[in-house]
């Protein structure tokens, strides 16, 4: 078996484990098992990051997922300091995504089709309206000490979601779901009426968002990069 095929086979193991842990976490949330959720949630992003790493994915993608893991862990603690630190960790992940998207946007399948500028402007306008509307509606109900932080984070999140559209439909859906998931969190902080089992919807959309972003980025960069070996490395000049 070639090194490339072996790496691809190994990469399936953490991805399968990610699927199992996802099911466990969501079932725990439906069942109201806080302990099960607390045990499963911190495993999700490291498993997805391991999958990306074994496939030779971009380091920035791995970093974005690990910053997401940091946010996941911090948000398990129901205190304002942990919430702010978790938001900061997610923000760092969005910065990683933004740099990654800028680097690889030209490789996206839809970007290669050369969509007209007027058509490409629609997502920007839509996300701009969504940002302004969401922040304006949430602002009065947010705790005063969190308002500016939530607004600044919302700008970064919206920029990430918009830039994800440049890599194709899969990444675009991932960015949109990430924005939806964090908006659900914000409505909870603002003490708006919530859906039954709100954590289930938050985690369901978040997990799907991260997986779709991984799929979109890996597709844009050509999937797996074969590691350079002594046989394939170029000869020294």
Foldseek 3Di string as FASTA:
>chain_A
DDPLVVLLVVLVVLVVVLVVLLVQLLVCLVVVPLVSVLVSQLSNLVSVLSSCVSLAHDPLLSQLSVLQSQLSNLVSDPDPVSNLVSLVSNLSSLVSLLVLLVVQLCLAPVLVVVDDPVVLCVLVVVLVVVLVVLLVVLQVLADPVCNVVVNVSSVSLSSSLSSLVSRDDLLNLLSVLLNVLVSLVSCVNSVHDADPSSVSSSSVSNSSSSVSNSVSSCVSVVHGDDDDDPVRDDDDD
